[in-house]
């Protein structure tokens, strides 16, 4: 078979290769742009979490006590036990007089007290209402920016929107890694160290886990 008869097949293969290279490069750089800031955040907080015992946190605590007006106190109604959100009137009043956003979080109800736990990234908070006197006590503890970012890394007490962000970020990372793998495969002929480096990336954590984690 002559070289001229092979030319259309070679041109078609090169055209397909060019198409897939352009497509993979597009998906790769778009996913890398989406992942960039998130990946930096998770990489840095991976280090801070790994050395959390060596990073000293200095908690700061805010404590506030206020009296709830009788008209607002009556809005609590007659519920005596169980878990349920605070009435809107009570939640709005608390948001006005205290540095807190109540929303629709469930509180713990008893005949004497309503207790609301308000966990947050990098800290904690709680609020209690004395149902007889209307005395309200609020306490918030913060452990600094490093603790805040560490909790974001873990998705701890960060809410639904942040959980969705982590899911989308993880999907973008998968696209980034998979397109990178196909690009490695397409360039492997010109870069002989490609697969040894990929194998090293697999073998190193595997060996560390087998030899040093018990």
Protein backbone atom coordinates (compact mmCIF):
# COMPACT_ATOMS: atom_id res chain seq x y z
CA UNK A 1 0.00 0.00 0.00
CA UNK A 2 1.43 3.36 -0.99
CA UNK A 3 2.16 6.20 1.39
CA UNK A 4 -0.36 8.36 -0.48
CA UNK A 5 -3.18 5.90 0.31
CA UNK A 6 -2.32 6.06 4.04
CA UNK A 7 -2.36 9.85 4.11
CA UNK A 8 -6.16 10.23 4.65
CA UNK A 9 -6.06 7.80 7.62
CA UNK A 10 -3.12 9.60 9.20
CA UNK A 11 -4.78 12.97 8.68
CA UNK A 12 -8.03 11.67 10.26
CA UNK A 13 -6.17 10.32 13.31
CA UNK A 14 -4.31 13.59 13.73
CA UNK A 15 -7.58 15.49 13.43
CA UNK A 16 -9.22 13.31 16.11
CA UNK A 17 -6.17 13.69 18.35
CA UNK A 18 -6.23 17.45 17.90
CA UNK A 19 -9.94 17.56 18.74
CA UNK A 20 -9.49 15.55 21.96
CA UNK A 21 -6.42 17.55 22.96
CA UNK A 22 -8.31 20.82 22.58
CA UNK A 23 -11.35 19.45 24.42
CA UNK A 24 -9.32 18.00 27.30
CA UNK A 25 -7.23 21.15 27.62
CA UNK A 26 -10.41 23.25 27.78
CA UNK A 27 -12.00 21.08 30.50
CA UNK A 28 -8.68 20.88 32.33
CA UNK A 29 -8.06 24.61 32.55
CA UNK A 30 -11.70 25.46 33.32
CA UNK A 31 -11.83 22.91 36.16
CA UNK A 32 -8.44 24.09 37.44
CA UNK A 33 -9.68 27.69 37.52
CA UNK A 34 -12.78 26.63 39.48
CA UNK A 35 -10.68 24.51 41.87
CA UNK A 36 -7.78 26.93 42.36
CA UNK A 37 -8.84 28.89 45.44
CA UNK A 38 -10.66 25.95 47.02
CA UNK A 39 -7.66 23.67 46.48
CA UNK A 40 -5.34 26.22 48.09
CA UNK A 41 -7.72 26.46 51.06
CA UNK A 42 -7.93 22.69 51.49
CA UNK A 43 -4.17 22.22 51.01
CA UNK A 44 -3.25 24.88 53.58
CA UNK A 45 -5.82 23.68 56.11
CA UNK A 46 -4.62 20.12 55.51
CA UNK A 47 -1.27 21.24 56.93
CA UNK A 48 -2.82 23.18 59.82
CA UNK A 49 -5.06 20.24 60.71
CA UNK A 50 -2.11 17.84 60.57
CA UNK A 51 -0.23 20.07 63.04
CA UNK A 52 -3.20 21.30 65.08
CA UNK A 53 -1.58 20.25 68.38
CA UNK A 54 1.35 22.59 67.68
CA UNK A 55 -0.83 25.58 66.76
CA UNK A 56 -1.97 27.33 69.89
CA UNK A 57 -5.50 28.71 69.83
CA UNK A 58 -6.61 31.48 72.17
CA UNK A 59 -10.37 31.28 72.65
CA UNK A 60 -12.31 34.51 73.12
CA UNK A 61 -15.63 34.35 74.92
CA UNK A 62 -18.49 36.85 74.76
CA UNK A 63 -21.21 36.59 77.40
CA UNK A 64 -24.39 38.68 77.33
CA UNK A 65 -27.44 38.71 79.61
CA UNK A 66 -30.69 40.50 78.76
CA UNK A 67 -34.30 40.51 79.95
CA UNK A 68 -36.99 39.45 77.54
CA UNK A 69 -40.12 41.66 77.57
CA UNK A 70 -43.27 39.97 78.84
CA UNK A 71 -45.00 40.38 75.47
CA UNK A 72 -42.18 38.48 73.72
CA UNK A 73 -41.97 35.90 76.50
CA UNK A 74 -45.65 35.08 76.04
CA UNK A 75 -44.94 34.24 72.40
CA UNK A 76 -43.11 31.12 73.58
CA UNK A 77 -46.53 29.61 74.21
CA UNK A 78 -47.19 26.52 76.29
CA UNK A 79 -44.84 23.93 74.78
CA UNK A 80 -43.12 22.08 77.64
CA UNK A 81 -40.81 19.56 76.01
CA UNK A 82 -39.31 18.35 72.76
CA UNK A 83 -37.34 20.07 70.01
CA UNK A 84 -38.75 22.85 67.86
CA UNK A 85 -37.67 26.22 66.41
CA UNK A 86 -38.30 29.40 68.37
CA UNK A 87 -41.36 31.44 67.34
CA UNK A 88 -40.60 34.14 64.81
CA UNK A 89 -41.36 36.96 67.29
CA UNK A 90 -38.83 35.57 69.78
CA UNK A 91 -36.18 34.88 67.14
CA UNK A 92 -36.52 38.40 65.69
CA UNK A 93 -36.25 40.03 69.14
CA UNK A 94 -33.17 38.00 70.01
CA UNK A 95 -31.57 38.94 66.68
CA UNK A 96 -32.17 42.62 67.45
CA UNK A 97 -30.68 42.65 70.97
CA UNK A 98 -27.92 40.06 70.58
CA UNK A 99 -25.22 39.43 67.94
CA UNK A 100 -26.89 36.22 66.82
CA UNK A 101 -28.91 34.88 63.90
CA UNK A 102 -31.47 32.32 65.05
CA UNK A 103 -33.15 31.19 61.85
CA UNK A 104 -35.14 27.96 62.03
CA UNK A 105 -32.76 25.98 64.19
CA UNK A 106 -34.35 23.61 66.68
CA UNK A 107 -34.22 24.53 70.36
CA UNK A 108 -34.56 22.16 73.32
CA UNK A 109 -37.76 22.93 75.23
CA UNK A 110 -38.55 22.12 78.84
CA UNK A 111 -41.05 23.50 81.33
CA UNK A 112 -38.39 25.76 82.89
CA UNK A 113 -36.08 26.69 80.05
CA UNK A 114 -35.59 26.92 76.32
CA UNK A 115 -32.01 26.08 75.31
CA UNK A 116 -30.59 26.70 71.85
CA UNK A 117 -27.22 25.33 70.78
CA UNK A 118 -25.54 27.48 68.10
CA UNK A 119 -22.40 25.65 66.90
CA UNK A 120 -20.35 27.47 64.29
CA UNK A 121 -17.08 27.02 62.37
CA UNK A 122 -14.15 27.99 64.58
CA UNK A 123 -16.19 28.26 67.74
CA UNK A 124 -19.38 27.56 69.60
CA UNK A 125 -22.35 29.41 71.04
CA UNK A 126 -25.46 28.78 73.06
CA UNK A 127 -28.49 30.65 74.32
CA UNK A 128 -30.91 29.93 77.15
CA UNK A 129 -34.24 31.52 78.06
CA UNK A 130 -35.69 31.25 81.55
CA UNK A 131 -39.39 30.78 80.91
CA UNK A 132 -40.44 32.11 84.32
CA UNK A 133 -38.39 35.30 84.54
CA UNK A 134 -37.57 35.97 80.87
CA UNK A 135 -33.85 36.09 81.67
CA UNK A 136 -31.80 35.39 78.56
CA UNK A 137 -28.14 34.36 78.62
CA UNK A 138 -26.03 34.17 75.48
CA UNK A 139 -22.44 32.96 75.22
CA UNK A 140 -20.21 32.76 72.15
CA UNK A 141 -16.69 31.36 71.98
CA UNK A 142 -14.36 31.88 69.00
CA UNK A 143 -11.00 30.16 68.53
CA UNK A 144 -9.53 32.29 65.74
CA UNK A 145 -9.18 32.21 61.96
CA UNK A 146 -7.14 29.01 61.79
CA UNK A 147 -9.81 27.09 63.72
CA UNK A 148 -12.45 28.68 61.49
CA UNK A 149 -10.71 27.55 58.29
CA UNK A 150 -10.01 24.09 59.75
CA UNK A 151 -13.71 23.63 60.45
CA UNK A 152 -14.54 24.74 56.90
CA UNK A 153 -12.14 22.04 55.68
CA UNK A 154 -14.10 19.45 57.64
CA UNK A 155 -17.51 20.97 56.83
CA UNK A 156 -18.14 21.23 60.57
CA UNK A 157 -21.20 23.29 61.48
CA UNK A 158 -20.91 25.19 58.20
CA UNK A 159 -24.45 24.81 56.93
CA UNK A 160 -26.13 23.50 53.81
CA UNK A 161 -24.65 26.02 51.35
CA UNK A 162 -21.11 25.07 52.33
CA UNK A 163 -21.89 21.35 51.98
CA UNK A 164 -23.12 22.03 48.45
CA UNK A 165 -19.94 24.00 47.73
CA UNK A 166 -17.80 21.05 48.87
CA UNK A 167 -19.77 18.70 46.59
CA UNK A 168 -19.35 21.00 43.56
CA UNK A 169 -15.68 21.57 44.41
CA UNK A 170 -15.08 17.80 44.68
CA UNK A 171 -16.74 17.28 41.29
CA UNK A 172 -14.54 19.98 39.72
CA UNK A 173 -11.46 18.31 41.25
CA UNK A 174 -12.52 14.98 39.70
CA UNK A 175 -12.83 16.64 36.29
CA UNK A 176 -9.41 18.26 36.78
CA UNK A 177 -7.75 14.95 37.73
CA UNK A 178 -9.46 12.80 35.08
CA UNK A 179 -8.73 15.22 32.24
CA UNK A 180 -5.16 15.47 33.54
CA UNK A 181 -4.87 11.69 33.39
CA UNK A 182 -6.04 11.59 29.77
CA UNK A 183 -3.64 14.41 28.87
CA UNK A 184 -0.82 12.42 30.48
CA UNK A 185 -1.80 9.41 28.39
CA UNK A 186 -1.81 11.46 25.18
CA UNK A 187 1.62 12.98 25.88
CA UNK A 188 3.19 9.87 27.42
CA UNK A 189 5.05 8.87 24.24
CA UNK A 190 7.06 12.08 24.30
CA UNK A 191 7.56 12.01 28.07
CA UNK A 192 8.86 8.64 29.16
CA UNK A 193 8.85 9.52 32.86
CA UNK A 194 5.06 10.00 32.83
CA UNK A 195 3.93 6.59 34.03
CA UNK A 196 6.81 6.04 36.50
CA UNK A 197 5.80 9.31 38.19
CA UNK A 198 2.14 8.26 38.19
CA UNK A 199 3.12 4.91 39.68
CA UNK A 200 5.19 6.70 42.33
CA UNK A 201 2.18 8.85 43.23
CA UNK A 202 0.18 5.66 43.78
CA UNK A 203 2.88 3.59 45.48
CA UNK A 204 4.12 6.18 47.97
CA UNK A 205 0.88 6.71 49.98
CA UNK A 206 0.08 3.00 49.65
CA UNK A 207 3.42 1.96 51.12
CA UNK A 208 3.19 4.55 53.90
CA UNK A 209 -0.28 3.28 54.82
CA UNK A 210 0.84 -0.37 54.80
CA UNK A 211 4.10 0.14 56.69
CA UNK A 212 3.39 2.90 59.19
CA UNK A 213 -0.38 3.00 59.83
CA UNK A 214 -1.60 0.26 62.17
